[in-house]
Amino acid sequence: MITLRRTVPFALAGALAVAAAGIAQTPGEGITPSPVACLPLDGNGVLNAAVAPETPGSTVRMFFRRLNLEVEDFYYVEMEAAGAGLYWGVFPIPTEDKIKRKDLKQRDVPPPLEPWASWWKAKEASDHRDPNRDLDEKVIRERAPIGKHEKRAWMGKMSEADFQRWLERQQYEPAEYFVAVYDAQGSRTAVSDMHVVEVKKDCRVSLTPQQEGMAKNLTVGETNTWQKGEQPFHWECTGIVTRKDPQLVLRADEACRACVIAWWPYAAGGAAALGAIIAVNEDRPEDVSPARP
């Protein structure tokens, strides 16, 4: 079940303006992400990308989300420079959420349903993001307004028959990703095409020592205010220690930290430890409203 949080109107308007500015860039120019074969269900995946030309003072971000029916807003991590225009970024660990089937309803035209692939292509082509009009409109309105403007280039490259076979092969929600470059003022200057990658139990990824260190100390960026105070949607908390809000304010990850606090006393094996943690929590100030853009 998805718990909704009230989105501050001016913060959402600011985020939409930032998204619109980014979308003006031509996808694919100057950024070449390397193919990602799969993401492991029980570990971190890695994306490598080449950026040319490099601009002093710029940052490179890897955006990611799961292929969900309703939630389309992205998260991101800042990618690390490896020299000669090469960058790498680490994905959080995906959850075991399954991909849900939706066949496209057709009125007065037999057969009554068109294939699953038709539903997704109709969703991508529509502004309301709900081809059959049977999803949760409130969730879509709050949790898709930023991400829905990022075009699924990978989907347009598949024929409907190939796309249908690909969908039927998925056991878990796949992940979508793209890479973007931002200048020192925070404006997007280049963006890659969007890609998709399968999440699989038998996927094996070897991380370098630097990548393993990053995986244990992830800073996850948010693109919309609803993401504050919640575990990243359909990504595990493991390794996530800090977050950045849409205004780039860095903070400790309160959602994932709460999961660790709830688990630790039982692992430590003591009611006294539990009481100590509760006492600490009682002294914490109440959460404040999301920051202004």
Protein backbone atom coordinates (compact mmCIF):
# COMPACT_ATOMS: atom_id res chain seq x y z
CA MET A 1 0.00 0.00 0.00
CA ILE A 2 1.30 3.46 -0.90
CA THR A 3 1.01 6.12 1.81
CA LEU A 4 0.57 9.56 0.32
CA ARG A 5 2.24 12.67 1.67
CA ARG A 6 1.00 16.17 0.93
CA THR A 7 3.13 17.82 -1.74
CA VAL A 8 3.88 21.51 -1.24
CA PRO A 9 2.51 23.32 -4.37
CA PHE A 10 5.36 25.82 -4.80
CA ALA A 11 7.99 23.10 -4.34
CA LEU A 12 6.31 20.93 -6.96
CA ALA A 13 6.07 23.88 -9.34
CA GLY A 14 9.78 24.52 -8.90
CA ALA A 15 10.65 20.89 -9.55
CA LEU A 16 8.48 20.86 -12.68
CA ALA A 17 10.27 23.95 -13.96
CA VAL A 18 13.63 22.26 -13.44
CA ALA A 19 12.39 19.13 -15.23
CA ALA A 20 11.03 21.15 -18.14
CA ALA A 21 14.35 22.96 -18.52
CA GLY A 22 16.18 19.62 -18.60
CA ILE A 23 13.86 18.10 -21.17
CA ALA A 24 14.76 20.84 -23.63
CA GLN A 25 18.13 19.12 -24.11
CA THR A 26 18.48 16.67 -27.00
CA PRO A 27 18.82 13.15 -25.53
CA GLY A 28 21.87 11.15 -26.47
CA GLU A 29 24.21 14.02 -27.32
CA GLY A 30 27.62 13.78 -25.66
CA ILE A 31 26.78 10.96 -23.21
CA THR A 32 27.24 7.26 -23.89
CA PRO A 33 26.12 4.88 -21.10
CA SER A 34 27.63 1.40 -21.34
CA PRO A 35 25.14 -1.49 -21.59
CA VAL A 36 24.01 -2.95 -18.25
CA ALA A 37 23.24 -6.66 -18.61
CA CYS A 38 21.15 -6.93 -15.42
CA LEU A 39 20.76 -5.72 -11.84
CA PRO A 40 21.17 -8.30 -9.04
CA LEU A 41 18.20 -8.78 -6.76
CA ASP A 42 20.50 -9.13 -3.75
CA GLY A 43 23.22 -6.62 -4.59
CA ASN A 44 24.27 -3.36 -6.24
CA GLY A 45 24.56 -2.83 -9.95
CA VAL A 46 27.04 -0.48 -11.65
CA LEU A 47 26.66 1.86 -14.62
CA ASN A 48 29.61 3.20 -16.62
CA ALA A 49 29.27 6.16 -18.96
CA ALA A 50 31.44 8.29 -21.24
CA VAL A 51 30.89 12.07 -21.32
CA ALA A 52 32.35 14.32 -24.03
CA PRO A 53 33.25 17.06 -23.88
CA GLU A 54 33.77 17.46 -20.14
CA THR A 55 32.98 20.88 -18.66
CA PRO A 56 34.86 22.19 -15.59
CA GLY A 57 32.59 22.50 -12.55
CA SER A 58 29.90 20.18 -13.92
CA THR A 59 28.47 17.10 -12.22
CA VAL A 60 27.24 13.88 -13.80
CA ARG A 61 24.15 12.19 -12.38
CA MET A 62 22.73 8.71 -12.90
CA PHE A 63 18.92 8.77 -12.63
CA PHE A 64 17.01 5.58 -11.87
CA ARG A 65 13.53 4.24 -11.08
CA ARG A 66 11.59 0.97 -11.29
CA LEU A 67 9.12 0.27 -14.12
CA ASN A 68 5.99 0.83 -12.03
CA LEU A 69 2.40 1.27 -13.20
CA GLU A 70 1.84 4.53 -11.32
CA VAL A 71 5.06 5.89 -9.79
CA GLU A 72 7.34 7.52 -12.38
CA ASP A 73 9.49 10.04 -10.49
CA PHE A 74 13.22 9.32 -10.46
CA TYR A 75 16.01 9.24 -7.89
CA TYR A 76 19.65 9.83 -8.74
CA VAL A 77 23.24 9.39 -7.55
CA GLU A 78 26.18 11.56 -8.56
CA MET A 79 28.61 9.58 -10.68
CA GLU A 80 32.33 9.33 -9.89
CA ALA A 81 34.97 10.44 -12.41
CA ALA A 82 37.37 7.71 -13.60
CA GLY A 83 39.44 9.93 -15.93
CA ALA A 84 39.40 10.57 -19.69
CA GLY A 85 35.69 11.47 -19.62
CA LEU A 86 34.63 8.17 -18.03
CA TYR A 87 32.26 8.01 -15.04
CA TRP A 88 30.65 5.30 -12.93
CA GLY A 89 27.68 5.14 -10.56
CA VAL A 90 26.25 2.52 -8.21
CA PHE A 91 22.58 1.52 -8.12
CA PRO A 92 20.91 0.83 -4.77
CA ILE A 93 19.73 -2.75 -4.21
CA PRO A 94 16.31 -3.35 -5.86
CA THR A 95 13.42 -4.80 -3.87
CA GLU A 96 11.59 -7.98 -4.89
CA ASP A 97 8.53 -6.12 -6.23
CA LYS A 98 6.93 -7.92 -9.16
CA ILE A 99 5.98 -6.36 -12.45
CA LYS A 100 2.18 -6.21 -12.79
CA ARG A 101 0.35 -7.08 -16.00
CA LYS A 102 -2.06 -4.63 -17.61
CA ASP A 103 -3.75 -5.39 -20.92
CA LEU A 104 -5.20 -2.49 -22.88
CA LYS A 105 -8.99 -2.29 -22.90
CA GLN A 106 -10.65 -1.58 -26.24
CA ARG A 107 -14.31 -0.59 -26.52
CA ASP A 108 -16.45 -1.80 -29.42
CA VAL A 109 -13.45 -3.40 -31.11
CA PRO A 110 -12.88 -7.17 -30.83
CA PRO A 111 -10.95 -8.66 -29.18
CA PRO A 112 -11.85 -6.85 -25.92
CA LEU A 113 -8.20 -6.63 -24.82
CA GLU A 114 -5.02 -5.76 -26.67
CA PRO A 115 -1.65 -7.06 -25.51
CA TRP A 116 0.27 -5.89 -22.44
CA ALA A 117 2.77 -4.05 -24.65
CA SER A 118 -0.07 -1.95 -26.07
CA TRP A 119 -0.99 -0.76 -22.56
CA TRP A 120 2.55 0.49 -21.91
CA LYS A 121 2.85 2.21 -25.28
CA ALA A 122 -0.54 3.88 -24.74
CA LYS A 123 0.61 5.02 -21.29
CA GLU A 124 3.80 6.50 -22.72
CA ALA A 125 1.80 8.42 -25.35
CA SER A 126 -0.78 9.83 -22.92
CA ASP A 127 -0.56 12.73 -20.50
CA HIS A 128 -2.90 11.19 -17.90
CA ARG A 129 -0.66 8.06 -17.70
CA ASP A 130 -3.61 5.69 -17.15
CA PRO A 131 -4.78 4.04 -20.42
CA ASN A 132 -7.60 1.99 -18.84
CA ARG A 133 -8.50 4.67 -16.26
CA ASP A 134 -8.33 2.11 -13.43
CA LEU A 135 -5.18 3.17 -11.56
CA ASP A 136 -4.92 5.37 -8.46
CA GLU A 137 -5.19 8.90 -9.87
CA LYS A 138 -3.97 10.48 -6.63
CA VAL A 139 -0.76 8.43 -6.68
CA ILE A 140 -0.12 9.31 -10.33
CA ARG A 141 -0.78 13.00 -9.70
CA GLU A 142 1.67 13.12 -6.78
CA ARG A 143 4.33 10.60 -7.74
CA ALA A 144 4.63 10.84 -11.53
CA PRO A 145 4.59 14.56 -12.52
CA ILE A 146 8.37 14.95 -12.78
CA GLY A 147 9.36 11.58 -14.18
CA LYS A 148 6.59 11.33 -16.78
CA HIS A 149 8.31 14.01 -18.88
CA GLU A 150 11.39 11.84 -19.38
CA LYS A 151 10.78 9.91 -22.59
CA ARG A 152 11.27 6.14 -22.71
CA ALA A 153 13.56 5.95 -25.72
CA TRP A 154 14.15 2.23 -25.14
CA MET A 155 10.44 1.46 -25.54
CA GLY A 156 10.15 3.20 -28.89
CA LYS A 157 12.99 1.07 -30.25
CA MET A 158 11.11 -2.20 -29.64
CA SER A 159 8.45 -3.60 -31.95
CA GLU A 160 5.22 -4.41 -30.13
CA ALA A 161 5.81 -8.16 -30.57
CA ASP A 162 9.35 -7.96 -29.17
CA PHE A 163 8.19 -5.74 -26.34
CA GLN A 164 5.41 -8.18 -25.48
CA ARG A 165 7.86 -11.09 -25.28
CA TRP A 166 10.22 -9.01 -23.16
CA LEU A 167 7.44 -8.08 -20.71
CA GLU A 168 6.30 -11.68 -20.34
CA ARG A 169 9.86 -12.67 -19.48
CA GLN A 170 10.13 -10.25 -16.53
CA GLN A 171 9.66 -11.63 -13.03
CA TYR A 172 10.53 -8.46 -11.14
CA GLU A 173 10.04 -4.80 -11.95
CA PRO A 174 12.85 -3.80 -14.32
CA ALA A 175 14.77 -0.58 -13.68
CA GLU A 176 15.02 2.42 -15.98
CA TYR A 177 17.97 4.79 -16.02
CA PHE A 178 19.62 7.67 -17.86
CA VAL A 179 22.62 9.97 -17.36
CA ALA A 180 22.59 13.77 -17.29
CA VAL A 181 25.23 16.49 -16.91
CA TYR A 182 24.61 19.61 -14.79
CA ASP A 183 26.62 22.81 -14.79
CA ALA A 184 27.78 24.72 -11.71
CA GLN A 185 24.46 26.62 -11.61
CA GLY A 186 22.44 23.40 -11.48
CA SER A 187 21.12 23.54 -15.07
CA ARG A 188 21.04 20.38 -17.16
CA THR A 189 23.34 20.72 -20.14
CA ALA A 190 23.27 17.20 -21.61
CA VAL A 191 21.21 14.04 -21.20
CA SER A 192 21.42 10.49 -22.53
CA ASP A 193 18.61 8.35 -23.87
CA MET A 194 16.69 6.36 -21.27
CA HIS A 195 17.52 2.66 -20.98
CA VAL A 196 15.95 -0.31 -19.22
CA VAL A 197 17.57 -3.23 -17.40
CA GLU A 198 16.19 -6.47 -15.99
CA VAL A 199 16.32 -7.27 -12.27
CA LYS A 200 17.32 -10.92 -11.81
CA LYS A 201 18.13 -13.32 -8.99
CA ASP A 202 20.96 -14.93 -10.91
CA CYS A 203 22.62 -11.66 -11.94
CA ARG A 204 26.27 -11.41 -10.85
CA VAL A 205 28.07 -8.07 -10.69
CA SER A 206 31.68 -7.57 -9.57
CA LEU A 207 32.37 -4.26 -7.85
CA THR A 208 35.78 -2.64 -7.49
CA PRO A 209 36.90 -1.68 -3.96
CA GLN A 210 35.93 1.93 -4.72
CA GLN A 211 32.49 0.85 -5.92
CA GLU A 212 31.99 -1.37 -2.87
CA GLY A 213 32.83 1.61 -0.67
CA MET A 214 30.32 3.75 -2.54
CA ALA A 215 27.64 1.04 -2.26
CA LYS A 216 27.97 1.18 1.55
CA ASN A 217 27.81 4.99 1.67
CA LEU A 218 25.25 6.04 -0.93
CA THR A 219 23.85 9.55 -1.21
CA VAL A 220 20.52 9.37 -3.05
CA GLY A 221 19.12 12.49 -4.69
CA GLU A 222 15.39 13.22 -4.80
CA THR A 223 13.48 14.86 -7.65
CA ASN A 224 10.13 15.49 -5.92
CA THR A 225 9.06 16.43 -2.40
CA TRP A 226 7.01 13.27 -1.73
CA GLN A 227 10.26 11.28 -1.63
CA LYS A 228 11.40 12.98 1.58
CA GLY A 229 11.08 10.84 4.71
CA GLU A 230 10.30 7.63 2.80
CA GLN A 231 12.41 4.65 1.79
CA PRO A 232 13.33 5.00 -1.90
CA PHE A 233 10.40 3.56 -3.83
CA HIS A 234 11.08 -0.14 -4.55
CA TRP A 235 14.78 0.12 -3.58
CA GLU A 236 16.31 -1.33 -0.42
CA CYS A 237 17.71 0.93 2.30
CA THR A 238 20.95 -1.07 2.49
CA GLY A 239 23.92 1.26 2.04
CA ILE A 240 21.90 4.49 1.78
CA VAL A 241 23.16 6.94 4.42
CA THR A 242 22.37 10.43 3.12
CA ARG A 243 19.87 12.12 0.82
CA LYS A 244 19.65 15.34 -1.22
CA ASP A 245 16.31 17.06 -1.69
CA PRO A 246 15.31 18.80 -4.96
CA GLN A 247 17.01 21.98 -3.68
CA LEU A 248 20.28 20.00 -3.20
CA VAL A 249 20.14 20.24 0.60
CA LEU A 250 22.11 17.29 2.02
CA ARG A 251 20.73 15.49 5.10
CA ALA A 252 20.96 12.16 6.88
CA ASP A 253 18.55 9.59 5.45
CA GLU A 254 15.81 9.64 8.07
CA ALA A 255 13.76 6.82 6.49
CA CYS A 256 16.54 4.26 6.16
CA ARG A 257 18.09 5.30 9.47
CA ALA A 258 14.73 4.57 11.13
CA CYS A 259 14.81 1.03 9.71
CA VAL A 260 18.27 0.48 11.23
CA ILE A 261 17.19 1.90 14.61
CA ALA A 262 14.14 -0.37 14.68
CA TRP A 263 16.22 -3.47 13.88
CA TRP A 264 19.39 -2.90 15.93
CA PRO A 265 18.11 -3.43 19.51
CA TYR A 266 16.79 -6.87 18.60
CA ALA A 267 20.06 -7.81 16.91
CA ALA A 268 21.95 -6.54 19.95
CA GLY A 269 19.60 -8.59 22.13
CA GLY A 270 18.55 -6.27 24.91
CA ALA A 271 15.42 -4.54 26.14
CA ALA A 272 17.67 -1.95 27.81
CA ALA A 273 19.15 -1.05 24.43
CA LEU A 274 15.64 -0.75 22.98
CA GLY A 275 14.67 1.59 25.79
CA ALA A 276 17.73 3.73 25.13
CA ILE A 277 16.87 4.09 21.47
CA ILE A 278 13.27 4.99 22.29
CA ALA A 279 14.51 7.64 24.72
CA VAL A 280 16.70 9.13 22.01
CA ASN A 281 13.79 9.17 19.57
CA GLU A 282 11.53 10.94 22.05
CA ASP A 283 13.98 13.85 22.15
CA ARG A 284 14.04 14.27 18.38
CA PRO A 285 12.19 17.32 17.00
CA GLU A 286 9.17 16.87 14.78
CA ASP A 287 9.78 16.71 11.04
CA VAL A 288 9.41 20.01 9.25
CA SER A 289 7.79 20.73 5.90
CA PRO A 290 9.81 20.14 2.71
CA ALA A 291 12.24 22.93 1.87
CA ARG A 292 11.37 25.60 -0.63
CA PRO A 293 12.97 25.40 -4.09
